[in-house]
All heavy atoms as atom14 arrays in JSON, in Angstrom:
{
  "sequence": "QHLFLEPNILLGLDDYDLVCLDNIDKIAGNRLWEEAIFDLFNRLIESN",
  "atom14_mask": [
    [1, 1, 1, 1, 1, 1, 1, 1, 1, 0, 0, 0, 0, 0],
    [1, 1, 1, 1, 1, 1, 1, 1, 1, 1, 0, 0, 0, 0],
    [1, 1, 1, 1, 1, 1, 1, 1, 0, 0, 0, 0, 0, 0],
    [1, 1, 1, 1, 1, 1, 1, 1, 1, 1, 1, 0, 0, 0],
    [1, 1, 1, 1, 1, 1, 1, 1, 0, 0, 0, 0, 0, 0],
    [1, 1, 1, 1, 1, 1, 1, 1, 1, 0, 0, 0, 0, 0],
    [1, 1, 1, 1, 1, 1, 1, 0, 0, 0, 0, 0, 0, 0],
    [1, 1, 1, 1, 1, 1, 1, 1, 0, 0, 0, 0, 0, 0],
    [1, 1, 1, 1, 1, 1, 1, 1, 0, 0, 0, 0, 0, 0],
    [1, 1, 1, 1, 1, 1, 1, 1, 0, 0, 0, 0, 0, 0],
    [1, 1, 1, 1, 1, 1, 1, 1, 0, 0, 0, 0, 0, 0],
    [1, 1, 1, 1, 0, 0, 0, 0, 0, 0, 0, 0, 0, 0],
    [1, 1, 1, 1, 1, 1, 1, 1, 0, 0, 0, 0, 0, 0],
    [1, 1, 1, 1, 1, 1, 1, 1, 0, 0, 0, 0, 0, 0],
    [1, 1, 1, 1, 1, 1, 1, 1, 0, 0, 0, 0, 0, 0],
    [1, 1, 1, 1, 1, 1, 1, 1, 1, 1, 1, 1, 0, 0],
    [1, 1, 1, 1, 1, 1, 1, 1, 0, 0, 0, 0, 0, 0],
    [1, 1, 1, 1, 1, 1, 1, 1, 0, 0, 0, 0, 0, 0],
    [1, 1, 1, 1, 1, 1, 1, 0, 0, 0, 0, 0, 0, 0],
    [1, 1, 1, 1, 1, 1, 0, 0, 0, 0, 0, 0, 0, 0],
    [1, 1, 1, 1, 1, 1, 1, 1, 0, 0, 0, 0, 0, 0],
    [1, 1, 1, 1, 1, 1, 1, 1, 0, 0, 0, 0, 0, 0],
    [1, 1, 1, 1, 1, 1, 1, 1, 0, 0, 0, 0, 0, 0],
    [1, 1, 1, 1, 1, 1, 1, 1, 0, 0, 0, 0, 0, 0],
    [1, 1, 1, 1, 1, 1, 1, 1, 0, 0, 0, 0, 0, 0],
    [1, 1, 1, 1, 1, 1, 1, 1, 1, 0, 0, 0, 0, 0],
    [1, 1, 1, 1, 1, 1, 1, 1, 0, 0, 0, 0, 0, 0],
    [1, 1, 1, 1, 1, 0, 0, 0, 0, 0, 0, 0, 0, 0],
    [1, 1, 1, 1, 0, 0, 0, 0, 0, 0, 0, 0, 0, 0],
    [1, 1, 1, 1, 1, 1, 1, 1, 0, 0, 0, 0, 0, 0],
    [1, 1, 1, 1, 1, 1, 1, 1, 1, 1, 1, 0, 0, 0],
    [1, 1, 1, 1, 1, 1, 1, 1, 0, 0, 0, 0, 0, 0],
    [1, 1, 1, 1, 1, 1, 1, 1, 1, 1, 1, 1, 1, 1],
    [1, 1, 1, 1, 1, 1, 1, 1, 1, 0, 0, 0, 0, 0],
    [1, 1, 1, 1, 1, 1, 1, 1, 1, 0, 0, 0, 0, 0],
    [1, 1, 1, 1, 1, 0, 0, 0, 0, 0, 0, 0, 0, 0],
    [1, 1, 1, 1, 1, 1, 1, 1, 0, 0, 0, 0, 0, 0],
    [1, 1, 1, 1, 1, 1, 1, 1, 1, 1, 1, 0, 0, 0],
    [1, 1, 1, 1, 1, 1, 1, 1, 0, 0, 0, 0, 0, 0],
    [1, 1, 1, 1, 1, 1, 1, 1, 0, 0, 0, 0, 0, 0],
    [1, 1, 1, 1, 1, 1, 1, 1, 1, 1, 1, 0, 0, 0],
    [1, 1, 1, 1, 1, 1, 1, 1, 0, 0, 0, 0, 0, 0],
    [1, 1, 1, 1, 1, 1, 1, 1, 1, 1, 1, 0, 0, 0],
    [1, 1, 1, 1, 1, 1, 1, 1, 0, 0, 0, 0, 0, 0],
    [1, 1, 1, 1, 1, 1, 1, 1, 0, 0, 0, 0, 0, 0],
    [1, 1, 1, 1, 1, 1, 1, 1, 1, 0, 0, 0, 0, 0],
    [1, 1, 1, 1, 1, 1, 0, 0, 0, 0, 0, 0, 0, 0],
    [1, 1, 1, 1, 1, 1, 1, 1, 0, 0, 0, 0, 0, 0]
  ],
  "atom14_positions": [
    [[0.82, -1.21, 0.0], [0.0, 0.0, 0.0], [0.86, 1.27, 0.0], [0.37, 2.34, 0.33], [-0.93, 0.0, 1.21], [-1.9, -1.17, 1.24], [-2.83, -1.13, 2.44], [-3.05, -0.09, 3.03], [-3.36, -2.28, 2.81], [0.0, 0.0, 0.0], [0.0, 0.0, 0.0], [0.0, 0.0, 0.0], [0.0, 0.0, 0.0], [0.0, 0.0, 0.0]],
    [[2.13, 1.15, -0.4], [3.04, 2.29, -0.26], [2.63, 3.49, -1.11], [2.98, 4.63, -0.78], [4.47, 1.87, -0.63], [4.7, 1.65, -2.09], [4.34, 0.48, -2.72], [5.24, 2.44, -3.04], [4.65, 0.56, -3.99], [5.2, 1.74, -4.23], [0.0, 0.0, 0.0], [0.0, 0.0, 0.0], [0.0, 0.0, 0.0], [0.0, 0.0, 0.0]],
    [[1.87, 3.27, -2.17], [1.43, 4.39, -3.0], [0.47, 5.3, -2.25], [0.29, 6.47, -2.64], [0.77, 3.88, -4.29], [1.7, 3.14, -5.27], [0.89, 2.63, -6.46], [2.83, 4.04, -5.73], [0.0, 0.0, 0.0], [0.0, 0.0, 0.0], [0.0, 0.0, 0.0], [0.0, 0.0, 0.0], [0.0, 0.0, 0.0], [0.0, 0.0, 0.0]],
    [[-0.15, 4.79, -1.2], [-1.08, 5.59, -0.4], [-0.41, 6.15, 0.86], [-1.07, 6.81, 1.67], [-2.29, 4.73, 0.0], [-2.99, 4.12, -1.17], [-2.81, 2.78, -1.48], [-3.83, 4.87, -1.98], [-3.44, 2.2, -2.57], [-4.46, 4.3, -3.07], [-4.28, 2.96, -3.37], [0.0, 0.0, 0.0], [0.0, 0.0, 0.0], [0.0, 0.0, 0.0]],
    [[0.87, 5.85, 1.02], [1.61, 6.26, 2.21], [2.77, 7.16, 1.81], [3.02, 7.38, 0.63], [2.14, 5.03, 2.96], [1.12, 3.94, 3.29], [1.83, 2.74, 3.91], [0.05, 4.46, 4.22], [0.0, 0.0, 0.0], [0.0, 0.0, 0.0], [0.0, 0.0, 0.0], [0.0, 0.0, 0.0], [0.0, 0.0, 0.0], [0.0, 0.0, 0.0]],
    [[3.44, 7.69, 2.81], [4.66, 8.48, 2.6], [5.8, 7.82, 3.36], [5.59, 7.25, 4.44], [4.47, 9.92, 3.09], [3.46, 10.73, 2.3], [4.01, 11.15, 0.95], [5.24, 11.1, 0.75], [3.19, 11.54, 0.08], [0.0, 0.0, 0.0], [0.0, 0.0, 0.0], [0.0, 0.0, 0.0], [0.0, 0.0, 0.0], [0.0, 0.0, 0.0]],
    [[7.04, 7.87, 2.84], [8.16, 7.24, 3.53], [8.38, 7.73, 4.96], [8.92, 6.99, 5.79], [9.36, 7.59, 2.64], [8.77, 7.78, 1.28], [7.43, 8.41, 1.52], [0.0, 0.0, 0.0], [0.0, 0.0, 0.0], [0.0, 0.0, 0.0], [0.0, 0.0, 0.0], [0.0, 0.0, 0.0], [0.0, 0.0, 0.0], [0.0, 0.0, 0.0]],
    [[7.92, 8.96, 5.27], [8.14, 9.46, 6.63], [7.27, 8.74, 7.66], [7.37, 9.02, 8.86], [7.92, 10.97, 6.71], [6.51, 11.4, 6.38], [5.59, 10.57, 6.29], [6.31, 12.69, 6.17], [0.0, 0.0, 0.0], [0.0, 0.0, 0.0], [0.0, 0.0, 0.0], [0.0, 0.0, 0.0], [0.0, 0.0, 0.0], [0.0, 0.0, 0.0]],
    [[6.45, 7.78, 7.21], [5.73, 6.94, 8.16], [6.71, 6.12, 9.01], [6.39, 5.65, 10.1], [4.75, 6.01, 7.43], [3.73, 5.4, 8.4], [5.48, 4.89, 6.71], [2.67, 4.56, 7.7], [0.0, 0.0, 0.0], [0.0, 0.0, 0.0], [0.0, 0.0, 0.0], [0.0, 0.0, 0.0], [0.0, 0.0, 0.0], [0.0, 0.0, 0.0]],
    [[7.94, 5.97, 8.49], [8.96, 5.17, 9.19], [9.68, 5.97, 10.28], [10.42, 5.39, 11.07], [9.99, 4.65, 8.19], [9.44, 3.81, 7.03], [10.58, 3.37, 6.11], [8.68, 2.6, 7.54], [0.0, 0.0, 0.0], [0.0, 0.0, 0.0], [0.0, 0.0, 0.0], [0.0, 0.0, 0.0], [0.0, 0.0, 0.0], [0.0, 0.0, 0.0]],
    [[9.47, 7.28, 10.31], [10.1, 8.09, 11.36], [9.45, 7.79, 12.7], [8.25, 7.54, 12.8], [9.95, 9.58, 11.02], [10.63, 10.05, 9.73], [10.3, 11.52, 9.48], [12.14, 9.84, 9.8], [0.0, 0.0, 0.0], [0.0, 0.0, 0.0], [0.0, 0.0, 0.0], [0.0, 0.0, 0.0], [0.0, 0.0, 0.0], [0.0, 0.0, 0.0]],
    [[10.24, 7.82, 13.74], [9.7, 7.63, 15.08], [9.51, 6.19, 15.5], [8.91, 5.92, 16.55], [0.0, 0.0, 0.0], [0.0, 0.0, 0.0], [0.0, 0.0, 0.0], [0.0, 0.0, 0.0], [0.0, 0.0, 0.0], [0.0, 0.0, 0.0], [0.0, 0.0, 0.0], [0.0, 0.0, 0.0], [0.0, 0.0, 0.0], [0.0, 0.0, 0.0]],
    [[10.01, 5.25, 14.68], [9.85, 3.84, 15.04], [11.04, 3.3, 15.83], [11.07, 2.11, 16.15], [9.67, 2.99, 13.77], [8.44, 3.32, 12.91], [8.35, 2.34, 11.74], [7.16, 3.29, 13.73], [0.0, 0.0, 0.0], [0.0, 0.0, 0.0], [0.0, 0.0, 0.0], [0.0, 0.0, 0.0], [0.0, 0.0, 0.0], [0.0, 0.0, 0.0]],
    [[11.98, 4.17, 16.17], [13.21, 3.72, 16.82], [12.97, 3.04, 18.16], [13.74, 2.17, 18.58], [14.16, 4.91, 17.05], [14.35, 5.75, 15.8], [13.4, 5.9, 15.02], [15.46, 6.25, 15.61], [0.0, 0.0, 0.0], [0.0, 0.0, 0.0], [0.0, 0.0, 0.0], [0.0, 0.0, 0.0], [0.0, 0.0, 0.0], [0.0, 0.0, 0.0]],
    [[11.9, 3.45, 18.87], [11.67, 2.9, 20.2], [10.59, 1.82, 20.21], [10.09, 1.44, 21.26], [11.29, 4.02, 21.18], [9.98, 4.7, 20.82], [9.55, 4.58, 19.65], [9.39, 5.34, 21.7], [0.0, 0.0, 0.0], [0.0, 0.0, 0.0], [0.0, 0.0, 0.0], [0.0, 0.0, 0.0], [0.0, 0.0, 0.0], [0.0, 0.0, 0.0]],
    [[10.23, 1.33, 19.01], [9.25, 0.25, 18.94], [9.92, -1.08, 19.24], [11.08, -1.3, 18.92], [8.61, 0.19, 17.55], [7.46, 1.16, 17.36], [7.61, 2.51, 17.59], [6.2, 0.71, 16.97], [6.56, 3.4, 17.42], [5.15, 1.58, 16.78], [5.33, 2.92, 17.02], [4.28, 3.8, 16.84], [0.0, 0.0, 0.0], [0.0, 0.0, 0.0]],
    [[9.16, -1.98, 19.85], [9.69, -3.32, 20.14], [9.69, -4.2, 18.9], [10.54, -5.07, 18.76], [8.87, -3.99, 21.25], [8.93, -3.21, 22.55], [10.0, -3.24, 23.19], [7.93, -2.57, 22.9], [0.0, 0.0, 0.0], [0.0, 0.0, 0.0], [0.0, 0.0, 0.0], [0.0, 0.0, 0.0], [0.0, 0.0, 0.0], [0.0, 0.0, 0.0]],
    [[8.73, -3.96, 18.01], [8.62, -4.77, 16.79], [8.21, -3.87, 15.63], [7.23, -3.12, 15.73], [7.59, -5.88, 16.96], [7.29, -6.74, 15.73], [8.53, -7.51, 15.28], [6.13, -7.71, 16.0], [0.0, 0.0, 0.0], [0.0, 0.0, 0.0], [0.0, 0.0, 0.0], [0.0, 0.0, 0.0], [0.0, 0.0, 0.0], [0.0, 0.0, 0.0]],
    [[8.97, -3.97, 14.55], [8.63, -3.26, 13.31], [8.5, -4.3, 12.2], [9.45, -5.06, 11.95], [9.69, -2.21, 12.93], [9.34, -1.56, 11.59], [9.83, -1.17, 14.03], [0.0, 0.0, 0.0], [0.0, 0.0, 0.0], [0.0, 0.0, 0.0], [0.0, 0.0, 0.0], [0.0, 0.0, 0.0], [0.0, 0.0, 0.0], [0.0, 0.0, 0.0]],
    [[7.33, -4.37, 11.56], [7.09, -5.33, 10.49], [6.91, -4.59, 9.17], [6.04, -3.72, 9.06], [5.83, -6.14, 10.77], [5.93, -7.19, 12.23], [0.0, 0.0, 0.0], [0.0, 0.0, 0.0], [0.0, 0.0, 0.0], [0.0, 0.0, 0.0], [0.0, 0.0, 0.0], [0.0, 0.0, 0.0], [0.0, 0.0, 0.0], [0.0, 0.0, 0.0]],
    [[7.74, -4.93, 8.19], [7.63, -4.38, 6.85], [7.22, -5.51, 5.91], [8.05, -6.36, 5.54], [8.96, -3.77, 6.39], [9.54, -2.66, 7.28], [10.85, -2.15, 6.69], [8.54, -1.5, 7.43], [0.0, 0.0, 0.0], [0.0, 0.0, 0.0], [0.0, 0.0, 0.0], [0.0, 0.0, 0.0], [0.0, 0.0, 0.0], [0.0, 0.0, 0.0]],
    [[5.96, -5.54, 5.55], [5.42, -6.64, 4.76], [5.55, -6.31, 3.27], [5.18, -5.23, 2.82], [3.95, -6.84, 5.13], [3.46, -8.25, 4.83], [4.27, -9.08, 4.38], [2.27, -8.52, 5.07], [0.0, 0.0, 0.0], [0.0, 0.0, 0.0], [0.0, 0.0, 0.0], [0.0, 0.0, 0.0], [0.0, 0.0, 0.0], [0.0, 0.0, 0.0]],
    [[6.08, -7.27, 2.5], [6.2, -7.14, 1.04], [7.12, -5.99, 0.63], [6.73, -5.09, -0.13], [4.82, -6.97, 0.39], [3.93, -8.18, 0.58], [4.33, -9.3, 0.28], [2.74, -7.96, 1.09], [0.0, 0.0, 0.0], [0.0, 0.0, 0.0], [0.0, 0.0, 0.0], [0.0, 0.0, 0.0], [0.0, 0.0, 0.0], [0.0, 0.0, 0.0]],
    [[8.36, -6.03, 1.1], [9.31, -4.96, 0.79], [9.63, -4.89, -0.7], [10.03, -3.83, -1.22], [10.61, -5.13, 1.61], [11.44, -3.85, 1.57], [11.42, -6.32, 1.12], [12.66, -3.88, 2.47], [0.0, 0.0, 0.0], [0.0, 0.0, 0.0], [0.0, 0.0, 0.0], [0.0, 0.0, 0.0], [0.0, 0.0, 0.0], [0.0, 0.0, 0.0]],
    [[9.43, -5.98, -1.42], [9.7, -5.97, -2.87], [8.81, -4.98, -3.6], [9.14, -4.54, -4.71], [9.51, -7.37, -3.45], [8.18, -7.99, -3.06], [8.04, -8.42, -1.91], [7.27, -8.05, -3.92], [0.0, 0.0, 0.0], [0.0, 0.0, 0.0], [0.0, 0.0, 0.0], [0.0, 0.0, 0.0], [0.0, 0.0, 0.0], [0.0, 0.0, 0.0]],
    [[7.69, -4.59, -3.0], [6.76, -3.67, -3.66], [7.34, -2.26, -3.79], [6.86, -1.48, -4.63], [5.44, -3.61, -2.9], [4.7, -4.93, -2.81], [4.34, -5.47, -4.18], [3.54, -6.77, -4.07], [3.2, -7.33, -5.4], [0.0, 0.0, 0.0], [0.0, 0.0, 0.0], [0.0, 0.0, 0.0], [0.0, 0.0, 0.0], [0.0, 0.0, 0.0]],
    [[8.35, -1.91, -2.98], [8.92, -0.56, -3.07], [10.25, -0.57, -3.83], [10.91, 0.47, -3.92], [9.09, 0.09, -1.69], [10.02, -0.73, -0.78], [7.73, 0.27, -1.03], [11.47, -0.42, -0.84], [0.0, 0.0, 0.0], [0.0, 0.0, 0.0], [0.0, 0.0, 0.0], [0.0, 0.0, 0.0], [0.0, 0.0, 0.0], [0.0, 0.0, 0.0]],
    [[10.67, -1.71, -4.35], [11.93, -1.8, -5.09], [11.92, -0.85, -6.28], [10.96, -0.81, -7.05], [12.18, -3.23, -5.55], [0.0, 0.0, 0.0], [0.0, 0.0, 0.0], [0.0, 0.0, 0.0], [0.0, 0.0, 0.0], [0.0, 0.0, 0.0], [0.0, 0.0, 0.0], [0.0, 0.0, 0.0], [0.0, 0.0, 0.0], [0.0, 0.0, 0.0]],
    [[12.98, -0.06, -6.41], [13.06, 0.9, -7.49], [12.58, 2.29, -7.11], [12.77, 3.24, -7.85], [0.0, 0.0, 0.0], [0.0, 0.0, 0.0], [0.0, 0.0, 0.0], [0.0, 0.0, 0.0], [0.0, 0.0, 0.0], [0.0, 0.0, 0.0], [0.0, 0.0, 0.0], [0.0, 0.0, 0.0], [0.0, 0.0, 0.0], [0.0, 0.0, 0.0]],
    [[11.95, 2.4, -5.94], [11.5, 3.7, -5.44], [12.58, 4.23, -4.49], [12.69, 3.79, -3.34], [10.17, 3.55, -4.72], [9.56, 4.88, -4.29], [10.25, 5.73, -3.74], [8.27, 5.04, -4.54], [0.0, 0.0, 0.0], [0.0, 0.0, 0.0], [0.0, 0.0, 0.0], [0.0, 0.0, 0.0], [0.0, 0.0, 0.0], [0.0, 0.0, 0.0]],
    [[13.39, 5.18, -4.97], [14.55, 5.62, -4.2], [14.17, 6.21, -2.84], [14.85, 5.95, -1.84], [15.36, 6.64, -4.99], [16.61, 7.14, -4.26], [17.48, 7.98, -5.15], [18.1, 7.19, -6.2], [19.23, 6.5, -6.03], [19.83, 6.49, -4.85], [19.75, 5.82, -7.02], [0.0, 0.0, 0.0], [0.0, 0.0, 0.0], [0.0, 0.0, 0.0]],
    [[13.09, 6.98, -2.78], [12.71, 7.6, -1.51], [12.38, 6.55, -0.46], [12.8, 6.65, 0.7], [11.51, 8.54, -1.72], [11.79, 9.82, -2.5], [10.5, 10.62, -2.67], [12.85, 10.66, -1.79], [0.0, 0.0, 0.0], [0.0, 0.0, 0.0], [0.0, 0.0, 0.0], [0.0, 0.0, 0.0], [0.0, 0.0, 0.0], [0.0, 0.0, 0.0]],
    [[11.64, 5.53, -0.88], [11.3, 4.46, 0.06], [12.53, 3.63, 0.43], [12.71, 3.28, 1.6], [10.22, 3.56, -0.53], [8.84, 4.02, -0.22], [7.98, 4.69, -1.06], [8.13, 3.86, 1.02], [6.8, 4.95, -0.41], [6.86, 4.45, 0.87], [8.47, 3.27, 2.24], [5.91, 4.47, 1.88], [7.52, 3.29, 3.26], [6.27, 3.88, 3.09]],
    [[13.36, 3.34, -0.53], [14.57, 2.55, -0.24], [15.47, 3.3, 0.74], [16.0, 2.7, 1.7], [15.31, 2.23, -1.53], [14.59, 1.21, -2.41], [15.46, 0.69, -3.54], [16.7, 0.75, -3.41], [14.91, 0.24, -4.56], [0.0, 0.0, 0.0], [0.0, 0.0, 0.0], [0.0, 0.0, 0.0], [0.0, 0.0, 0.0], [0.0, 0.0, 0.0]],
    [[15.66, 4.58, 0.53], [16.51, 5.36, 1.44], [15.88, 5.45, 2.82], [16.59, 5.39, 3.83], [16.73, 6.76, 0.86], [17.62, 6.77, -0.39], [17.76, 8.15, -0.99], [16.96, 9.04, -0.63], [18.66, 8.34, -1.84], [0.0, 0.0, 0.0], [0.0, 0.0, 0.0], [0.0, 0.0, 0.0], [0.0, 0.0, 0.0], [0.0, 0.0, 0.0]],
    [[14.56, 5.57, 2.89], [13.87, 5.66, 4.19], [14.02, 4.35, 4.97], [14.23, 4.36, 6.19], [12.4, 6.0, 3.98], [0.0, 0.0, 0.0], [0.0, 0.0, 0.0], [0.0, 0.0, 0.0], [0.0, 0.0, 0.0], [0.0, 0.0, 0.0], [0.0, 0.0, 0.0], [0.0, 0.0, 0.0], [0.0, 0.0, 0.0], [0.0, 0.0, 0.0]],
    [[13.92, 3.22, 4.28], [14.06, 1.93, 4.95], [15.51, 1.7, 5.38], [15.77, 1.2, 6.47], [13.56, 0.79, 4.04], [12.04, 0.91, 3.86], [13.93, -0.57, 4.63], [11.47, -0.07, 2.86], [0.0, 0.0, 0.0], [0.0, 0.0, 0.0], [0.0, 0.0, 0.0], [0.0, 0.0, 0.0], [0.0, 0.0, 0.0], [0.0, 0.0, 0.0]],
    [[16.46, 2.11, 4.53], [17.88, 2.02, 4.89], [18.16, 2.85, 6.15], [18.85, 2.4, 7.07], [18.74, 2.49, 3.73], [20.22, 2.52, 4.04], [20.95, 1.35, 4.15], [20.87, 3.73, 4.21], [22.32, 1.37, 4.43], [22.23, 3.76, 4.5], [22.95, 2.59, 4.61], [0.0, 0.0, 0.0], [0.0, 0.0, 0.0], [0.0, 0.0, 0.0]],
    [[17.62, 4.06, 6.18], [17.8, 4.93, 7.34], [17.15, 4.34, 8.58], [17.72, 4.37, 9.68], [17.22, 6.31, 7.04], [17.43, 7.29, 8.18], [18.61, 7.54, 8.55], [16.44, 7.81, 8.73], [0.0, 0.0, 0.0], [0.0, 0.0, 0.0], [0.0, 0.0, 0.0], [0.0, 0.0, 0.0], [0.0, 0.0, 0.0], [0.0, 0.0, 0.0]],
    [[15.96, 3.76, 8.42], [15.28, 3.11, 9.55], [16.13, 1.97, 10.09], [16.29, 1.82, 11.31], [13.91, 2.57, 9.1], [13.19, 1.65, 10.09], [12.82, 2.4, 11.36], [11.97, 1.01, 9.45], [0.0, 0.0, 0.0], [0.0, 0.0, 0.0], [0.0, 0.0, 0.0], [0.0, 0.0, 0.0], [0.0, 0.0, 0.0], [0.0, 0.0, 0.0]],
    [[16.67, 1.17, 9.2], [17.51, 0.04, 9.6], [18.67, 0.53, 10.46], [18.95, -0.03, 11.54], [18.04, -0.66, 8.35], [18.28, -2.14, 8.53], [17.55, -3.07, 7.82], [19.25, -2.59, 9.41], [17.77, -4.43, 7.96], [19.5, -3.95, 9.57], [18.75, -4.87, 8.84], [0.0, 0.0, 0.0], [0.0, 0.0, 0.0], [0.0, 0.0, 0.0]],
    [[19.34, 1.6, 10.04], [20.48, 2.13, 10.79], [20.05, 2.66, 12.15], [20.76, 2.47, 13.16], [21.17, 3.23, 9.99], [21.91, 2.68, 8.77], [22.27, 1.5, 8.74], [22.12, 3.52, 7.77], [0.0, 0.0, 0.0], [0.0, 0.0, 0.0], [0.0, 0.0, 0.0], [0.0, 0.0, 0.0], [0.0, 0.0, 0.0], [0.0, 0.0, 0.0]],
    [[18.9, 3.31, 12.22], [18.42, 3.83, 13.5], [18.07, 2.69, 14.46], [18.32, 2.78, 15.66], [17.19, 4.72, 13.29], [17.47, 5.98, 12.46], [16.38, 7.03, 12.66], [15.04, 6.5, 12.6], [14.3, 6.37, 11.5], [14.84, 6.68, 10.3], [13.07, 5.9, 11.56], [0.0, 0.0, 0.0], [0.0, 0.0, 0.0], [0.0, 0.0, 0.0]],
    [[17.49, 1.63, 13.92], [17.13, 0.49, 14.77], [18.38, -0.22, 15.29], [18.4, -0.69, 16.43], [16.25, -0.49, 13.99], [14.87, 0.03, 13.59], [14.11, -1.05, 12.82], [14.07, 0.48, 14.8], [0.0, 0.0, 0.0], [0.0, 0.0, 0.0], [0.0, 0.0, 0.0], [0.0, 0.0, 0.0], [0.0, 0.0, 0.0], [0.0, 0.0, 0.0]],
    [[19.41, -0.3, 14.46], [20.68, -0.88, 14.92], [21.24, -0.05, 16.07], [21.71, -0.59, 17.08], [21.69, -0.95, 13.76], [21.23, -1.98, 12.72], [23.08, -1.32, 14.28], [22.12, -2.02, 11.49], [0.0, 0.0, 0.0], [0.0, 0.0, 0.0], [0.0, 0.0, 0.0], [0.0, 0.0, 0.0], [0.0, 0.0, 0.0], [0.0, 0.0, 0.0]],
    [[21.18, 1.26, 15.92], [21.73, 2.15, 16.94], [20.95, 2.08, 18.24], [21.53, 2.06, 19.33], [21.75, 3.58, 16.42], [22.41, 4.57, 17.37], [22.52, 5.96, 16.78], [22.23, 6.13, 15.58], [22.89, 6.88, 17.53], [0.0, 0.0, 0.0], [0.0, 0.0, 0.0], [0.0, 0.0, 0.0], [0.0, 0.0, 0.0], [0.0, 0.0, 0.0]],
    [[19.62, 2.03, 18.15], [18.81, 1.97, 19.37], [18.91, 0.61, 20.05], [18.74, 0.49, 21.26], [17.34, 2.27, 19.04], [16.79, 1.28, 18.19], [0.0, 0.0, 0.0], [0.0, 0.0, 0.0], [0.0, 0.0, 0.0], [0.0, 0.0, 0.0], [0.0, 0.0, 0.0], [0.0, 0.0, 0.0], [0.0, 0.0, 0.0], [0.0, 0.0, 0.0]],
    [[19.14, -0.46, 19.24], [19.45, -1.8, 19.75], [18.38, -2.34, 20.7], [18.68, -2.9, 21.74], [20.81, -1.81, 20.45], [21.35, -3.22, 20.62], [21.11, -4.07, 19.78], [22.06, -3.47, 21.7], [0.0, 0.0, 0.0], [0.0, 0.0, 0.0], [0.0, 0.0, 0.0], [0.0, 0.0, 0.0], [0.0, 0.0, 0.0], [0.0, 0.0, 0.0]]
  ]
}
């Protein structure tokens, strides 16, 4: 459903216990979404 959402939906998830990204292949080729998920991944690693 990413066409109805914005990548900034991923902001603020650093303190969540569980983050589920279903069907990540659907955003392949969308640079804004790919960069947002990459950034989220790094933030989650840091918050640990």
